[in-house]
Protein backbone atom coordinates (compact mmCIF):
# COMPACT_ATOMS: atom_id res chain seq x y z
CA MET A 1 0.69 -19.14 -26.86
CA LYS A 2 1.21 -16.56 -23.95
CA GLN A 3 4.59 -15.39 -25.73
CA ILE A 4 2.44 -14.77 -29.05
CA PHE A 5 0.26 -12.38 -26.63
CA VAL A 6 2.94 -10.48 -24.85
CA ALA A 7 4.94 -10.27 -27.79
CA THR A 8 1.51 -8.46 -29.87
CA LEU A 9 1.35 -6.34 -26.71
CA LEU A 10 5.33 -5.53 -26.94
CA LEU A 11 4.87 -4.06 -30.60
CA LEU A 12 1.26 -2.21 -29.55
CA LEU A 13 2.42 -0.68 -27.00
CA GLY A 14 6.14 -0.34 -26.30
CA GLY A 15 7.21 -0.73 -29.80
CA SER A 16 7.43 0.33 -33.78
CA SER A 17 3.18 1.05 -33.73
CA LEU A 18 3.61 3.80 -31.86
CA LEU A 19 6.48 5.25 -33.74
CA LEU A 20 4.06 5.07 -37.20
CA ALA A 21 1.40 6.87 -35.70
CA SER A 22 0.93 10.66 -35.40
CA THR A 23 -0.04 12.49 -31.97
CA GLU A 24 -2.03 15.36 -33.78
CA GLU A 25 -5.58 15.87 -32.98
CA PRO A 26 -8.11 16.43 -36.02
CA LYS A 27 -9.51 19.89 -36.11
CA LYS A 28 -12.20 18.63 -36.27
CA GLY A 29 -14.19 15.52 -34.69
CA HIS A 30 -15.34 14.60 -31.63
CA GLN A 31 -14.14 14.40 -28.15
CA LEU A 32 -13.39 10.51 -26.81
CA ARG A 33 -13.01 11.28 -22.98
CA LEU A 34 -11.55 7.91 -21.34
CA GLU A 35 -11.56 6.74 -17.73
CA VAL A 36 -8.82 4.27 -16.65
CA ASP A 37 -9.04 2.35 -13.11
CA GLY A 38 -7.53 -0.63 -11.77
CA MET A 39 -4.10 1.16 -11.43
CA THR A 40 -2.24 0.14 -7.70
CA GLU A 41 0.22 3.37 -8.01
CA ALA A 42 0.25 7.38 -8.98
CA LYS A 43 3.12 7.64 -10.83
CA GLY A 44 4.87 6.23 -14.10
CA ASN A 45 2.58 7.30 -17.49
CA LEU A 46 -0.44 5.30 -19.48
CA LEU A 47 0.21 4.73 -22.53
CA ILE A 48 -2.55 4.58 -25.09
CA ALA A 49 -2.18 3.55 -29.02
CA ILE A 50 -5.70 4.19 -30.88
CA PHE A 51 -6.56 1.80 -33.90
CA ASP A 52 -8.93 2.76 -36.63
CA LYS A 53 -9.17 -0.24 -39.01
CA GLU A 54 -9.60 -3.63 -38.30
CA GLU A 55 -6.13 -4.35 -41.18
CA ASN A 56 -4.13 -2.21 -38.74
CA TYR A 57 -4.76 -3.49 -35.70
CA LEU A 58 -1.53 -4.35 -33.51
CA VAL A 59 0.86 -3.16 -36.61
CA LYS A 60 0.05 0.54 -36.76
CA ALA A 61 -2.31 2.95 -34.13
CA TYR A 62 -4.13 5.96 -35.76
CA THR A 63 -2.81 7.98 -32.86
CA TYR A 64 -1.41 7.59 -29.58
CA ARG A 65 -0.72 9.19 -26.50
CA SER A 66 1.46 9.08 -23.45
CA VAL A 67 0.03 10.79 -20.01
CA PRO A 68 0.89 11.28 -16.85
CA VAL A 69 -0.40 9.13 -14.13
CA ASP A 70 -1.12 11.23 -10.82
CA SER A 71 -3.84 9.55 -9.37
CA LEU A 72 -5.51 6.40 -9.14
CA VAL A 73 -7.80 6.67 -11.54
CA LYS A 74 -6.92 8.56 -15.04
CA HIS A 75 -9.01 10.87 -17.01
CA THR A 76 -7.56 12.24 -20.71
CA GLU A 77 -9.67 13.48 -23.79
CA ILE A 78 -8.35 13.37 -27.35
CA THR A 79 -10.50 14.51 -30.39
CA LEU A 80 -11.50 11.82 -33.19
CA PRO A 81 -13.61 12.01 -36.15
CA GLU A 82 -16.27 9.75 -36.40
CA GLY A 83 -15.37 5.83 -36.99
CA ARG A 84 -14.94 2.69 -35.26
CA TYR A 85 -11.64 2.66 -32.95
CA VAL A 86 -9.75 0.45 -30.99
CA VAL A 87 -7.98 2.00 -27.83
CA SER A 88 -5.58 -0.01 -25.67
CA LEU A 89 -3.30 1.19 -23.09
CA PHE A 90 -1.45 0.28 -20.68
CA HIS A 91 -0.05 1.25 -17.25
CA ASP A 92 3.96 2.34 -17.49
CA ALA A 93 4.92 2.43 -13.88
CA ASN A 94 8.04 3.01 -13.58
CA GLY A 95 8.39 4.73 -17.22
CA ASN A 96 10.40 2.96 -19.08
CA ASN A 97 8.09 3.40 -22.04
CA GLN A 98 7.72 -0.50 -22.79
CA LEU A 99 5.27 -3.13 -21.49
CA ASP A 100 7.42 -4.98 -18.72
CA THR A 101 6.83 -8.85 -18.51
CA GLY A 102 8.28 -11.53 -15.91
CA GLU A 103 8.82 -14.99 -16.13
CA TYR A 104 7.07 -16.75 -19.56
CA GLY A 105 6.43 -13.11 -20.71
CA ILE A 106 3.47 -12.74 -18.80
CA PRO A 107 3.06 -8.75 -18.14
CA LEU A 108 3.98 -7.63 -15.21
CA GLU A 109 2.59 -3.78 -15.49
CA LYS A 110 -1.56 -3.44 -15.97
CA TYR A 111 -3.26 -3.05 -19.11
CA GLY A 112 -6.55 -3.19 -20.47
CA PHE A 113 -8.60 -2.64 -24.19
CA SER A 114 -11.55 -0.94 -25.03
CA ASN A 115 -14.78 -2.25 -23.63
CA ASN A 116 -13.05 -4.11 -21.36
CA ALA A 117 -12.33 -7.04 -23.86
CA ARG A 118 -10.51 -10.01 -22.92
CA GLY A 119 -8.55 -12.18 -25.71
CA GLU A 120 -8.22 -16.02 -24.88
CA MET A 121 -4.78 -16.71 -24.82
CA GLY A 122 -4.21 -13.51 -26.40
CA PRO A 123 -4.95 -9.84 -27.17
CA PRO A 124 -8.94 -9.81 -27.74
CA SER A 125 -10.24 -9.32 -31.12
CA PHE A 126 -10.66 -6.18 -33.23
CA LYS A 127 -14.36 -6.57 -33.43
CA ASP A 128 -14.99 -7.19 -29.55
CA ALA A 129 -12.70 -4.16 -28.32
CA SER A 130 -14.20 -1.93 -31.25
CA PHE A 131 -16.46 0.65 -30.45
CA VAL A 132 -18.18 3.80 -32.73
CA LEU A 133 -17.57 7.32 -32.22
CA LYS A 134 -20.44 9.15 -33.46
CA ALA A 135 -20.74 12.15 -30.82
CA ASN A 136 -18.68 13.02 -28.07
CA GLN A 137 -18.24 10.02 -25.39
CA THR A 138 -16.77 8.49 -22.32
CA ILE A 139 -15.59 4.83 -22.69
CA TYR A 140 -14.29 3.37 -18.88
CA ILE A 141 -11.18 0.92 -19.03
CA THR A 142 -10.58 -1.06 -15.78
CA VAL A 143 -6.52 -2.10 -16.20
CA ASN A 144 -5.96 -5.67 -14.89
């Protein structure tokens, strides 16, 4: 089961879902401010995938970002239209654009989801990780 979880994270954060998504922000919308903590090194990149539909969750991101990590708490803003979203991210400390894993496929790099949702033996459900964006909003994610 851990291998399924890791394979999903790899697809989600380091694989084709990022390539299929758009990096362009809509001209109108609301500011989603992400405040991410829990990082232990101020280096590498924070790779962020945002999903807007349950049927695309873990398959095709609505948009994605890669932002440099220059402090242990990272702030970034993304403009999005009103809607329901899930944010999934990981700290790519070594800058190789993939989630590194160890024995049994356990992630070696820190990752997190909106609502600080956690799944049992896999990623959290869309329902558990999703939030509704109706106005400018700040969400806090702690990577583990």
